[in-house]
Amino acid sequence: MDKLNTYRQYVRQTLEKYAQYKPSIGEVDMELLFDSERDRYQLMMVGWNDYQRYHGSLLHVDIINGQIWIQHDGTEGGIANELLELGVPKQDIVLAFHVPYKRPYTGFATGEIIEQKAA
């Protein structure tokens, strides 16, 4: 399996794992949104707790230029760690929720496209 399809599988299985957890508040459901054509993946929390509406992203991951971009991570442990355990190298994970000028200090990819010069 090529790298892109492997990363798609890893992202899907990670989000599917979190989707199995039932929030302990009210009538809140977990909804998976997968757009494999555009490589956009989200796990949403949708529902009500008494009179309070819940509608928001728990996890939002994109695959851009062969890298996994974590746009939002509302988990306690961080899905970047789970992706590392699956074998995704740090240089292929962008912590996109960090402002770009701080990304070089995260130890993960920055998301910048580096042009290779011909020798």
PDB file of N, CA and C in Angstrom:
ATOM      1  N   MET A   1       0.855  -1.174   0.000  1.00  0.00           N
ATOM      2  CA  MET A   1       0.000   0.000   0.000  1.00  0.00           C
ATOM      3  C   MET A   1       0.902   1.238   0.000  1.00  0.00           C
ATOM      4  N   ASP A   2       0.565   2.232  -0.822  1.00  0.00           N
ATOM      5  CA  ASP A   2       1.381   3.441  -0.885  1.00  0.00           C
ATOM      6  C   ASP A   2       1.169   4.311   0.352  1.00  0.00           C
ATOM      7  N   LYS A   3       2.074   5.283   0.528  1.00  0.00           N
ATOM      8  CA  LYS A   3       2.068   6.117   1.735  1.00  0.00           C
ATOM      9  C   LYS A   3       0.748   6.856   1.923  1.00  0.00           C
ATOM     10  N   LEU A   4       0.204   7.442   0.861  1.00  0.00           N
ATOM     11  CA  LEU A   4      -1.035   8.207   0.983  1.00  0.00           C
ATOM     12  C   LEU A   4      -2.179   7.331   1.489  1.00  0.00           C
ATOM     13  N   ASN A   5      -2.338   6.158   0.899  1.00  0.00           N
ATOM     14  CA  ASN A   5      -3.409   5.259   1.343  1.00  0.00           C
ATOM     15  C   ASN A   5      -3.172   4.737   2.756  1.00  0.00           C
ATOM     16  N   THR A   6      -1.916   4.511   3.105  1.00  0.00           N
ATOM     17  CA  THR A   6      -1.596   4.100   4.474  1.00  0.00           C
ATOM     18  C   THR A   6      -1.992   5.192   5.454  1.00  0.00           C
ATOM     19  N   TYR A   7      -1.659   6.447   5.145  1.00  0.00           N
ATOM     20  CA  TYR A   7      -2.005   7.560   6.028  1.00  0.00           C
ATOM     21  C   TYR A   7      -3.518   7.737   6.125  1.00  0.00           C
ATOM     22  N   ARG A   8      -4.215   7.562   5.017  1.00  0.00           N
ATOM     23  CA  ARG A   8      -5.680   7.633   5.058  1.00  0.00           C
ATOM     24  C   ARG A   8      -6.237   6.579   6.015  1.00  0.00           C
ATOM     25  N   GLN A   9      -5.706   5.373   5.908  1.00  0.00           N
ATOM     26  CA  GLN A   9      -6.167   4.283   6.778  1.00  0.00           C
ATOM     27  C   GLN A   9      -5.873   4.606   8.241  1.00  0.00           C
ATOM     28  N   TYR A  10      -4.682   5.107   8.543  1.00  0.00           N
ATOM     29  CA  TYR A  10      -4.317   5.438   9.923  1.00  0.00           C
ATOM     30  C   TYR A  10      -5.222   6.526  10.491  1.00  0.00           C
ATOM     31  N   VAL A  11      -5.486   7.560   9.698  1.00  0.00           N
ATOM     32  CA  VAL A  11      -6.337   8.658  10.163  1.00  0.00           C
ATOM     33  C   VAL A  11      -7.747   8.143  10.428  1.00  0.00           C
ATOM     34  N   ARG A  12      -8.275   7.374   9.493  1.00  0.00           N
ATOM     35  CA  ARG A  12      -9.629   6.843   9.659  1.00  0.00           C
ATOM     36  C   ARG A  12      -9.736   5.962  10.906  1.00  0.00           C
ATOM     37  N   GLN A  13      -8.794   5.038  11.075  1.00  0.00           N
ATOM     38  CA  GLN A  13      -8.889   4.118  12.215  1.00  0.00           C
ATOM     39  C   GLN A  13      -8.727   4.863  13.536  1.00  0.00           C
ATOM     40  N   THR A  14      -7.912   5.911  13.558  1.00  0.00           N
ATOM     41  CA  THR A  14      -7.738   6.686  14.788  1.00  0.00           C
ATOM     42  C   THR A  14      -9.014   7.446  15.131  1.00  0.00           C
ATOM     43  N   LEU A  15      -9.625   8.102  14.139  1.00  0.00           N
ATOM     44  CA  LEU A  15     -10.869   8.824  14.392  1.00  0.00           C
ATOM     45  C   LEU A  15     -12.007   7.869  14.735  1.00  0.00           C
ATOM     46  N   GLU A  16     -12.049   6.710  14.074  1.00  0.00           N
ATOM     47  CA  GLU A  16     -13.089   5.723  14.378  1.00  0.00           C
ATOM     48  C   GLU A  16     -12.978   5.233  15.817  1.00  0.00           C
ATOM     49  N   LYS A  17     -11.760   5.112  16.311  1.00  0.00           N
ATOM     50  CA  LYS A  17     -11.565   4.689  17.706  1.00  0.00           C
ATOM     51  C   LYS A  17     -12.190   5.708  18.661  1.00  0.00           C
ATOM     52  N   TYR A  18     -11.921   6.992  18.427  1.00  0.00           N
ATOM     53  CA  TYR A  18     -12.476   8.031  19.300  1.00  0.00           C
ATOM     54  C   TYR A  18     -13.992   8.158  19.138  1.00  0.00           C
ATOM     55  N   ALA A  19     -14.514   7.832  17.972  1.00  0.00           N
ATOM     56  CA  ALA A  19     -15.959   7.928  17.734  1.00  0.00           C
ATOM     57  C   ALA A  19     -16.738   6.910  18.557  1.00  0.00           C
ATOM     58  N   GLN A  20     -16.079   5.867  19.012  1.00  0.00           N
ATOM     59  CA  GLN A  20     -16.753   4.844  19.810  1.00  0.00           C
ATOM     60  C   GLN A  20     -17.040   5.305  21.234  1.00  0.00           C
ATOM     61  N   TYR A  21     -16.335   6.339  21.683  1.00  0.00           N
ATOM     62  CA  TYR A  21     -16.555   6.841  23.045  1.00  0.00           C
ATOM     63  C   TYR A  21     -17.830   7.662  23.088  1.00  0.00           C
ATOM     64  N   LYS A  22     -18.653   7.398  24.071  1.00  0.00           N
ATOM     65  CA  LYS A  22     -19.896   8.146  24.264  1.00  0.00           C
ATOM     66  C   LYS A  22     -19.634   9.233  25.289  1.00  0.00           C
ATOM     67  N   PRO A  23     -19.854  10.501  24.920  1.00  0.00           N
ATOM     68  CA  PRO A  23     -19.675  11.575  25.905  1.00  0.00           C
ATOM     69  C   PRO A  23     -20.564  11.339  27.121  1.00  0.00           C
ATOM     70  N   SER A  24     -20.061  11.725  28.281  1.00  0.00           N
ATOM     71  CA  SER A  24     -20.785  11.483  29.532  1.00  0.00           C
ATOM     72  C   SER A  24     -21.800  12.574  29.834  1.00  0.00           C
ATOM     73  N   ILE A  25     -22.014  13.467  28.890  1.00  0.00           N
ATOM     74  CA  ILE A  25     -22.947  14.579  29.100  1.00  0.00           C
ATOM     75  C   ILE A  25     -24.134  14.459  28.166  1.00  0.00           C
ATOM     76  N   GLY A  26     -25.305  14.652  28.679  1.00  0.00           N
ATOM     77  CA  GLY A  26     -26.522  14.781  27.888  1.00  0.00           C
ATOM     78  C   GLY A  26     -26.682  13.811  26.743  1.00  0.00           C
ATOM     79  N   GLU A  27     -27.361  14.294  25.729  1.00  0.00           N
ATOM     80  CA  GLU A  27     -27.632  13.523  24.511  1.00  0.00           C
ATOM     81  C   GLU A  27     -26.703  14.016  23.406  1.00  0.00           C
ATOM     82  N   VAL A  28     -25.434  13.724  23.554  1.00  0.00           N
ATOM     83  CA  VAL A  28     -24.417  14.171  22.601  1.00  0.00           C
ATOM     84  C   VAL A  28     -23.893  12.957  21.852  1.00  0.00           C
ATOM     85  N   ASP A  29     -23.886  13.041  20.536  1.00  0.00           N
ATOM     86  CA  ASP A  29     -23.399  11.961  19.681  1.00  0.00           C
ATOM     87  C   ASP A  29     -22.083  12.353  19.034  1.00  0.00           C
ATOM     88  N   MET A  30     -21.318  11.330  18.665  1.00  0.00           N
ATOM     89  CA  MET A  30     -20.083  11.527  17.916  1.00  0.00           C
ATOM     90  C   MET A  30     -20.387  11.236  16.449  1.00  0.00           C
ATOM     91  N   GLU A  31     -20.019  12.159  15.567  1.00  0.00           N
ATOM     92  CA  GLU A  31     -20.266  11.990  14.134  1.00  0.00           C
ATOM     93  C   GLU A  31     -18.952  12.062  13.372  1.00  0.00           C
ATOM     94  N   LEU A  32     -18.717  11.048  12.543  1.00  0.00           N
ATOM     95  CA  LEU A  32     -17.530  11.010  11.696  1.00  0.00           C
ATOM     96  C   LEU A  32     -17.835  11.630  10.346  1.00  0.00           C
ATOM     97  N   LEU A  33     -16.939  12.456   9.869  1.00  0.00           N
ATOM     98  CA  LEU A  33     -17.045  13.054   8.541  1.00  0.00           C
ATOM     99  C   LEU A  33     -15.759  12.737   7.790  1.00  0.00           C
ATOM    100  N   PHE A  34     -15.865  11.901   6.752  1.00  0.00           N
ATOM    101  CA  PHE A  34     -14.699  11.516   5.964  1.00  0.00           C
ATOM    102  C   PHE A  34     -14.896  11.965   4.524  1.00  0.00           C
ATOM    103  N   ASP A  35     -13.974  12.748   4.007  1.00  0.00           N
ATOM    104  CA  ASP A  35     -13.956  13.133   2.599  1.00  0.00           C
ATOM    105  C   ASP A  35     -12.623  12.653   2.033  1.00  0.00           C
ATOM    106  N   SER A  36     -12.598  11.405   1.578  1.00  0.00           N
ATOM    107  CA  SER A  36     -11.365  10.801   1.084  1.00  0.00           C
ATOM    108  C   SER A  36     -10.908  11.401  -0.238  1.00  0.00           C
ATOM    109  N   GLU A  37     -11.827  11.997  -0.979  1.00  0.00           N
ATOM    110  CA  GLU A  37     -11.455  12.629  -2.250  1.00  0.00           C
ATOM    111  C   GLU A  37     -10.591  13.868  -2.015  1.00  0.00           C
ATOM    112  N   ARG A  38     -10.922  14.633  -0.984  1.00  0.00           N
ATOM    113  CA  ARG A  38     -10.179  15.861  -0.667  1.00  0.00           C
ATOM    114  C   ARG A  38      -9.282  15.689   0.558  1.00  0.00           C
ATOM    115  N   ASP A  39      -9.292  14.489   1.128  1.00  0.00           N
ATOM    116  CA  ASP A  39      -8.490  14.153   2.314  1.00  0.00           C
ATOM    117  C   ASP A  39      -8.770  15.071   3.494  1.00  0.00           C
ATOM    118  N   ARG A  40     -10.043  15.184   3.842  1.00  0.00           N
ATOM    119  CA  ARG A  40     -10.506  15.950   5.003  1.00  0.00           C
ATOM    120  C   ARG A  40     -11.238  14.979   5.933  1.00  0.00           C
ATOM    121  N   TYR A  41     -10.871  14.987   7.201  1.00  0.00           N
ATOM    122  CA  TYR A  41     -11.425  14.031   8.157  1.00  0.00           C
ATOM    123  C   TYR A  41     -11.745  14.755   9.464  1.00  0.00           C
ATOM    124  N   GLN A  42     -12.963  14.538   9.985  1.00  0.00           N
ATOM    125  CA  GLN A  42     -13.350  15.185  11.237  1.00  0.00           C
ATOM    126  C   GLN A  42     -14.173  14.244  12.109  1.00  0.00           C
ATOM    127  N   LEU A  43     -14.063  14.480  13.403  1.00  0.00           N
ATOM    128  CA  LEU A  43     -14.933  13.846  14.382  1.00  0.00           C
ATOM    129  C   LEU A  43     -15.628  14.978  15.116  1.00  0.00           C
ATOM    130  N   MET A  44     -16.957  15.010  14.994  1.00  0.00           N
ATOM    131  CA  MET A  44     -17.761  16.089  15.569  1.00  0.00           C
ATOM    132  C   MET A  44     -18.535  15.587  16.787  1.00  0.00           C
ATOM    133  N   MET A  45     -18.768  16.502  17.724  1.00  0.00           N
ATOM    134  CA  MET A  45     -19.684  16.261  18.844  1.00  0.00           C
ATOM    135  C   MET A  45     -20.946  17.064  18.550  1.00  0.00           C
ATOM    136  N   VAL A  46     -22.100  16.378  18.506  1.00  0.00           N
ATOM    137  CA  VAL A  46     -23.351  17.036  18.135  1.00  0.00           C
ATOM    138  C   VAL A  46     -24.453  16.586  19.089  1.00  0.00           C
ATOM    139  N   GLY A  47     -25.183  17.542  19.645  1.00  0.00           N
ATOM    140  CA  GLY A  47     -26.309  17.194  20.505  1.00  0.00           C
ATOM    141  C   GLY A  47     -26.598  18.249  21.551  1.00  0.00           C
ATOM    142  N   TRP A  48     -27.296  17.805  22.594  1.00  0.00           N
ATOM    143  CA  TRP A  48     -27.747  18.712  23.656  1.00  0.00           C
ATOM    144  C   TRP A  48     -27.408  18.141  25.024  1.00  0.00           C
ATOM    145  N   ASN A  49     -27.082  19.016  25.950  1.00  0.00           N
ATOM    146  CA  ASN A  49     -26.975  18.698  27.367  1.00  0.00           C
ATOM    147  C   ASN A  49     -27.900  19.670  28.077  1.00  0.00           C
ATOM    148  N   ASP A  50     -29.087  19.185  28.435  1.00  0.00           N
ATOM    149  CA  ASP A  50     -30.154  20.045  28.956  1.00  0.00           C
ATOM    150  C   ASP A  50     -30.439  21.140  27.929  1.00  0.00           C
ATOM    151  N   TYR A  51     -30.151  22.385  28.271  1.00  0.00           N
ATOM    152  CA  TYR A  51     -30.439  23.501  27.363  1.00  0.00           C
ATOM    153  C   TYR A  51     -29.194  24.012  26.640  1.00  0.00           C
ATOM    154  N   GLN A  52     -28.102  23.278  26.762  1.00  0.00           N
ATOM    155  CA  GLN A  52     -26.863  23.702  26.118  1.00  0.00           C
ATOM    156  C   GLN A  52     -26.617  22.882  24.858  1.00  0.00           C
ATOM    157  N   ARG A  53     -26.394  23.579  23.747  1.00  0.00           N
ATOM    158  CA  ARG A  53     -26.145  22.943  22.458  1.00  0.00           C
ATOM    159  C   ARG A  53     -24.665  22.610  22.318  1.00  0.00           C
ATOM    160  N   TYR A  54     -24.393  21.405  21.830  1.00  0.00           N
ATOM    161  CA  TYR A  54     -23.032  20.989  21.506  1.00  0.00           C
ATOM    162  C   TYR A  54     -22.960  20.761  20.003  1.00  0.00           C
ATOM    163  N   HIS A  55     -22.062  21.454  19.368  1.00  0.00           N
ATOM    164  CA  HIS A  55     -21.815  21.253  17.943  1.00  0.00           C
ATOM    165  C   HIS A  55     -20.412  21.763  17.658  1.00  0.00           C
ATOM    166  N   GLY A  56     -19.491  20.840  17.560  1.00  0.00           N
ATOM    167  CA  GLY A  56     -18.122  21.270  17.319  1.00  0.00           C
ATOM    168  C   GLY A  56     -17.211  20.102  17.022  1.00  0.00           C
ATOM    169  N   SER A  57     -16.052  20.460  16.560  1.00  0.00           N
ATOM    170  CA  SER A  57     -15.058  19.481  16.157  1.00  0.00           C
ATOM    171  C   SER A  57     -14.237  19.022  17.357  1.00  0.00           C
ATOM    172  N   LEU A  58     -14.149  17.713  17.545  1.00  0.00           N
ATOM    173  CA  LEU A  58     -13.242  17.153  18.534  1.00  0.00           C
ATOM    174  C   LEU A  58     -11.884  16.901  17.872  1.00  0.00           C
ATOM    175  N   LEU A  59     -11.918  16.408  16.646  1.00  0.00           N
ATOM    176  CA  LEU A  59     -10.700  16.162  15.870  1.00  0.00           C
ATOM    177  C   LEU A  59     -10.913  16.611  14.430  1.00  0.00           C
ATOM    178  N   HIS A  60      -9.909  17.267  13.872  1.00  0.00           N
ATOM    179  CA  HIS A  60      -9.944  17.677  12.468  1.00  0.00           C
ATOM    180  C   HIS A  60      -8.554  17.425  11.901  1.00  0.00           C
ATOM    181  N   VAL A  61      -8.491  16.548  10.902  1.00  0.00           N
ATOM    182  CA  VAL A  61      -7.225  16.155  10.296  1.00  0.00           C
ATOM    183  C   VAL A  61      -7.362  16.248   8.780  1.00  0.00           C
ATOM    184  N   ASP A  62      -6.346  16.826   8.141  1.00  0.00           N
ATOM    185  CA  ASP A  62      -6.274  16.868   6.683  1.00  0.00           C
ATOM    186  C   ASP A  62      -4.983  16.177   6.253  1.00  0.00           C
ATOM    187  N   ILE A  63      -4.974  15.649   5.043  1.00  0.00           N
ATOM    188  CA  ILE A  63      -3.733  15.162   4.450  1.00  0.00           C
ATOM    189  C   ILE A  63      -3.418  16.107   3.298  1.00  0.00           C
ATOM    190  N   ILE A  64      -2.294  16.809   3.431  1.00  0.00           N
ATOM    191  CA  ILE A  64      -1.898  17.834   2.464  1.00  0.00           C
ATOM    192  C   ILE A  64      -0.459  17.560   2.040  1.00  0.00           C
ATOM    193  N   ASN A  65      -0.241  17.456   0.740  1.00  0.00           N
ATOM    194  CA  ASN A  65       1.110  17.232   0.200  1.00  0.00           C
ATOM    195  C   ASN A  65       1.830  16.075   0.892  1.00  0.00           C
ATOM    196  N   GLY A  66       1.097  14.988   1.135  1.00  0.00           N
ATOM    197  CA  GLY A  66       1.699  13.794   1.709  1.00  0.00           C
ATOM    198  C   GLY A  66       1.979  13.863   3.199  1.00  0.00           C
ATOM    199  N   GLN A  67       1.505  14.917   3.855  1.00  0.00           N
ATOM    200  CA  GLN A  67       1.692  15.052   5.296  1.00  0.00           C
ATOM    201  C   GLN A  67       0.333  15.077   5.994  1.00  0.00           C
ATOM    202  N   ILE A  68       0.309  14.590   7.224  1.00  0.00           N
ATOM    203  CA  ILE A  68      -0.906  14.606   8.034  1.00  0.00           C
ATOM    204  C   ILE A  68      -0.918  15.905   8.825  1.00  0.00           C
ATOM    205  N   TRP A  69      -1.906  16.749   8.541  1.00  0.00           N
ATOM    206  CA  TRP A  69      -2.049  18.044   9.216  1.00  0.00           C
ATOM    207  C   TRP A  69      -3.120  17.916  10.291  1.00  0.00           C
ATOM    208  N   ILE A  70      -2.739  18.042  11.550  1.00  0.00           N
ATOM    209  CA  ILE A  70      -3.696  18.005  12.646  1.00  0.00           C
ATOM    210  C   ILE A  70      -4.168  19.438  12.865  1.00  0.00           C
ATOM    211  N   GLN A  71      -5.356  19.738  12.337  1.00  0.00           N
ATOM    212  CA  GLN A  71      -5.898  21.097  12.398  1.00  0.00           C
ATOM    213  C   GLN A  71      -6.460  21.417  13.784  1.00  0.00           C
ATOM    214  N   HIS A  72      -7.065  20.411  14.416  1.00  0.00           N
ATOM    215  CA  HIS A  72      -7.620  20.583  15.765  1.00  0.00           C
ATOM    216  C   HIS A  72      -7.566  19.242  16.471  1.00  0.00           C
ATOM    217  N   ASP A  73      -7.149  19.268  17.725  1.00  0.00           N
ATOM    218  CA  ASP A  73      -7.074  18.045  18.518  1.00  0.00           C
ATOM    219  C   ASP A  73      -7.624  18.333  19.906  1.00  0.00           C
ATOM    220  N   GLY A  74      -8.827  17.855  20.159  1.00  0.00           N
ATOM    221  CA  GLY A  74      -9.459  18.052  21.454  1.00  0.00           C
ATOM    222  C   GLY A  74      -9.323  16.850  22.367  1.00  0.00           C
ATOM    223  N   THR A  75      -8.385  15.954  22.073  1.00  0.00           N
ATOM    224  CA  THR A  75      -8.187  14.776  22.913  1.00  0.00           C
ATOM    225  C   THR A  75      -7.188  15.083  24.018  1.00  0.00           C
ATOM    226  N   GLU A  76      -7.193  14.246  25.027  1.00  0.00           N
ATOM    227  CA  GLU A  76      -6.296  14.466  26.163  1.00  0.00           C
ATOM    228  C   GLU A  76      -4.847  14.124  25.827  1.00  0.00           C
ATOM    229  N   GLY A  77      -4.636  12.995  25.169  1.00  0.00           N
ATOM    230  CA  GLY A  77      -3.274  12.538  24.908  1.00  0.00           C
ATOM    231  C   GLY A  77      -2.666  13.034  23.613  1.00  0.00           C
ATOM    232  N   GLY A  78      -3.491  13.493  22.693  1.00  0.00           N
ATOM    233  CA  GLY A  78      -2.997  13.967  21.405  1.00  0.00           C
ATOM    234  C   GLY A  78      -2.868  12.844  20.392  1.00  0.00           C
ATOM    235  N   ILE A  79      -3.511  13.021  19.244  1.00  0.00           N
ATOM    236  CA  ILE A  79      -3.471  11.951  18.247  1.00  0.00           C
ATOM    237  C   ILE A  79      -2.129  11.877  17.534  1.00  0.00           C
ATOM    238  N   ALA A  80      -1.313  12.921  17.619  1.00  0.00           N
ATOM    239  CA  ALA A  80       0.022  12.845  17.021  1.00  0.00           C
ATOM    240  C   ALA A  80       0.797  11.681  17.630  1.00  0.00           C
ATOM    241  N   ASN A  81       0.664  11.482  18.926  1.00  0.00           N
ATOM    242  CA  ASN A  81       1.353  10.371  19.595  1.00  0.00           C
ATOM    243  C   ASN A  81       0.864   9.021  19.085  1.00  0.00           C
ATOM    244  N   GLU A  82      -0.421   8.920  18.820  1.00  0.00           N
ATOM    245  CA  GLU A  82      -0.967   7.666  18.294  1.00  0.00           C
ATOM    246  C   GLU A  82      -0.477   7.411  16.873  1.00  0.00           C
ATOM    247  N   LEU A  83      -0.386   8.470  16.076  1.00  0.00           N
ATOM    248  CA  LEU A  83       0.125   8.321  14.711  1.00  0.00           C
ATOM    249  C   LEU A  83       1.594   7.903  14.728  1.00  0.00           C
ATOM    250  N   LEU A  84       2.363   8.446  15.665  1.00  0.00           N
ATOM    251  CA  LEU A  84       3.763   8.035  15.807  1.00  0.00           C
ATOM    252  C   LEU A  84       3.850   6.551  16.143  1.00  0.00           C
ATOM    253  N   GLU A  85       2.990   6.076  17.034  1.00  0.00           N
ATOM    254  CA  GLU A  85       2.981   4.658  17.411  1.00  0.00           C
ATOM    255  C   GLU A  85       2.639   3.761  16.228  1.00  0.00           C
ATOM    256  N   LEU A  86       1.849   4.289  15.288  1.00  0.00           N
ATOM    257  CA  LEU A  86       1.498   3.519  14.087  1.00  0.00           C
ATOM    258  C   LEU A  86       2.629   3.516  13.062  1.00  0.00           C
ATOM    259  N   GLY A  87       3.653   4.343  13.291  1.00  0.00           N
ATOM    260  CA  GLY A  87       4.798   4.356  12.385  1.00  0.00           C
ATOM    261  C   GLY A  87       4.915   5.579  11.501  1.00  0.00           C
ATOM    262  N   VAL A  88       4.049   6.573  11.690  1.00  0.00           N
ATOM    263  CA  VAL A  88       4.151   7.805  10.900  1.00  0.00           C
ATOM    264  C   VAL A  88       5.321   8.614  11.459  1.00  0.00           C
ATOM    265  N   PRO A  89       6.296   8.987  10.618  1.00  0.00           N
ATOM    266  CA  PRO A  89       7.427   9.770  11.119  1.00  0.00           C
ATOM    267  C   PRO A  89       7.028  11.208  11.441  1.00  0.00           C
ATOM    268  N   LYS A  90       7.759  11.817  12.381  1.00  0.00           N
ATOM    269  CA  LYS A  90       7.459  13.193  12.789  1.00  0.00           C
ATOM    270  C   LYS A  90       7.482  14.161  11.616  1.00  0.00           C
ATOM    271  N   GLN A  91       8.345  13.914  10.632  1.00  0.00           N
ATOM    272  CA  GLN A  91       8.440  14.837   9.495  1.00  0.00           C
ATOM    273  C   GLN A  91       7.217  14.773   8.587  1.00  0.00           C
ATOM    274  N   ASP A  92       6.296  13.841   8.854  1.00  0.00           N
ATOM    275  CA  ASP A  92       5.054  13.755   8.081  1.00  0.00           C
ATOM    276  C   ASP A  92       3.825  14.145   8.902  1.00  0.00           C
ATOM    277  N   ILE A  93       4.036  14.724  10.077  1.00  0.00           N
ATOM    278  CA  ILE A  93       2.928  15.184  10.922  1.00  0.00           C
ATOM    279  C   ILE A  93       3.107  16.672  11.186  1.00  0.00           C
ATOM    280  N   VAL A  94       2.096  17.462  10.826  1.00  0.00           N
ATOM    281  CA  VAL A  94       2.115  18.908  11.064  1.00  0.00           C
ATOM    282  C   VAL A  94       1.109  19.217  12.168  1.00  0.00           C
ATOM    283  N   LEU A  95       1.574  19.866  13.226  1.00  0.00           N
ATOM    284  CA  LEU A  95       0.672  20.317  14.288  1.00  0.00           C
ATOM    285  C   LEU A  95       0.134  21.678  13.867  1.00  0.00           C
ATOM    286  N   ALA A  96      -0.851  21.641  12.971  1.00  0.00           N
ATOM    287  CA  ALA A  96      -1.346  22.856  12.313  1.00  0.00           C
ATOM    288  C   ALA A  96      -2.083  23.790  13.258  1.00  0.00           C
ATOM    289  N   PHE A  97      -2.424  23.318  14.451  1.00  0.00           N
ATOM    290  CA  PHE A  97      -3.091  24.191  15.422  1.00  0.00           C
ATOM    291  C   PHE A  97      -2.098  25.156  16.074  1.00  0.00           C
ATOM    292  N   HIS A  98      -0.798  24.940  15.838  1.00  0.00           N
ATOM    293  CA  HIS A  98       0.219  25.898  16.290  1.00  0.00           C
ATOM    294  C   HIS A  98       0.435  26.944  15.204  1.00  0.00           C
ATOM    295  N   VAL A  99       0.625  28.181  15.608  1.00  0.00           N
ATOM    296  CA  VAL A  99       0.906  29.257  14.664  1.00  0.00           C
ATOM    297  C   VAL A  99       2.186  28.888  13.888  1.00  0.00           C
ATOM    298  N   PRO A 100       2.238  29.179  12.570  1.00  0.00           N
ATOM    299  CA  PRO A 100       3.368  28.715  11.756  1.00  0.00           C
ATOM    300  C   PRO A 100       4.759  29.052  12.300  1.00  0.00           C
ATOM    301  N   TYR A 101       4.946  30.217  12.900  1.00  0.00           N
ATOM    302  CA  TYR A 101       6.302  30.556  13.349  1.00  0.00           C
ATOM    303  C   TYR A 101       6.746  29.728  14.560  1.00  0.00           C
ATOM    304  N   LYS A 102       5.817  29.051  15.236  1.00  0.00           N
ATOM    305  CA  LYS A 102       6.179  28.198  16.369  1.00  0.00           C
ATOM    306  C   LYS A 102       6.392  26.736  15.964  1.00  0.00           C
ATOM    307  N   ARG A 103       5.949  26.358  14.792  1.00  0.00           N
ATOM    308  CA  ARG A 103       6.013  24.951  14.383  1.00  0.00           C
ATOM    309  C   ARG A 103       7.429  24.376  14.345  1.00  0.00           C
ATOM    310  N   PRO A 104       8.459  25.161  13.970  1.00  0.00           N
ATOM    311  CA  PRO A 104       9.806  24.572  13.978  1.00  0.00           C
ATOM    312  C   PRO A 104      10.259  24.100  15.363  1.00  0.00           C
ATOM    313  N   TYR A 105       9.646  24.597  16.412  1.00  0.00           N
ATOM    314  CA  TYR A 105      10.040  24.247  17.777  1.00  0.00           C
ATOM    315  C   TYR A 105       9.256  23.062  18.340  1.00  0.00           C
ATOM    316  N   THR A 106       8.318  22.513  17.566  1.00  0.00           N
ATOM    317  CA  THR A 106       7.490  21.407  18.053  1.00  0.00           C
ATOM    318  C   THR A 106       8.164  20.049  17.915  1.00  0.00           C
ATOM    319  N   GLY A 107       9.164  19.961  17.055  1.00  0.00           N
ATOM    320  CA  GLY A 107       9.781  18.669  16.782  1.00  0.00           C
ATOM    321  C   GLY A 107       9.066  17.903  15.687  1.00  0.00           C
ATOM    322  N   PHE A 108       7.986  18.492  15.167  1.00  0.00           N
ATOM    323  CA  PHE A 108       7.231  17.885  14.071  1.00  0.00           C
ATOM    324  C   PHE A 108       7.444  18.711  12.802  1.00  0.00           C
ATOM    325  N   ALA A 109       6.809  18.301  11.717  1.00  0.00           N
ATOM    326  CA  ALA A 109       6.938  19.017  10.448  1.00  0.00           C
ATOM    327  C   ALA A 109       6.339  20.419  10.564  1.00  0.00           C
ATOM    328  N   THR A 110       6.819  21.320   9.712  1.00  0.00           N
ATOM    329  CA  THR A 110       6.327  22.701   9.734  1.00  0.00           C
ATOM    330  C   THR A 110       5.232  22.939   8.713  1.00  0.00           C
ATOM    331  N   GLY A 111       5.139  22.047   7.720  1.00  0.00           N
ATOM    332  CA  GLY A 111       4.138  22.231   6.676  1.00  0.00           C
ATOM    333  C   GLY A 111       4.633  23.061   5.516  1.00  0.00           C
ATOM    334  N   GLU A 112       5.868  23.534   5.606  1.00  0.00           N
ATOM    335  CA  GLU A 112       6.428  24.312   4.502  1.00  0.00           C
ATOM    336  C   GLU A 112       6.856  23.369   3.394  1.00  0.00           C
ATOM    337  N   ILE A 113       6.622  23.792   2.175  1.00  0.00           N
ATOM    338  CA  ILE A 113       7.063  23.012   1.025  1.00  0.00           C
ATOM    339  C   ILE A 113       8.501  23.411   0.730  1.00  0.00           C
ATOM    340  N   ILE A 114       9.390  22.443   0.803  1.00  0.00           N
ATOM    341  CA  ILE A 114      10.804  22.700   0.552  1.00  0.00           C
ATOM    342  C   ILE A 114      11.118  22.263  -0.866  1.00  0.00           C
ATOM    343  N   GLU A 115      11.555  23.216  -1.669  1.00  0.00           N
ATOM    344  CA  GLU A 115      11.889  22.912  -3.055  1.00  0.00           C
ATOM    345  C   GLU A 115      13.279  22.297  -3.109  1.00  0.00           C
ATOM    346  N   GLN A 116      13.399  21.236  -3.878  1.00  0.00           N
ATOM    347  CA  GLN A 116      14.701  20.615  -4.058  1.00  0.00           C
ATOM    348  C   GLN A 116      15.337  21.199  -5.302  1.00  0.00           C
ATOM    349  N   LYS A 117      16.579  21.633  -5.156  1.00  0.00           N
ATOM    350  CA  LYS A 117      17.299  22.222  -6.277  1.00  0.00           C
ATOM    351  C   LYS A 117      18.065  21.133  -7.005  1.00  0.00           C
ATOM    352  N   ALA A 118      18.041  21.233  -8.317  1.00  0.00           N
ATOM    353  CA  ALA A 118      18.781  20.274  -9.133  1.00  0.00           C
ATOM    354  C   ALA A 118      20.274  20.528  -8.968  1.00  0.00           C
ATOM    355  N   ALA A 119      21.034  19.455  -8.877  1.00  0.00           N
ATOM    356  CA  ALA A 119      22.489  19.594  -8.690  1.00  0.00           C
ATOM    357  C   ALA A 119      23.183  19.855  -9.995  1.00  0.00           C
TER     358      ALA A 119
END
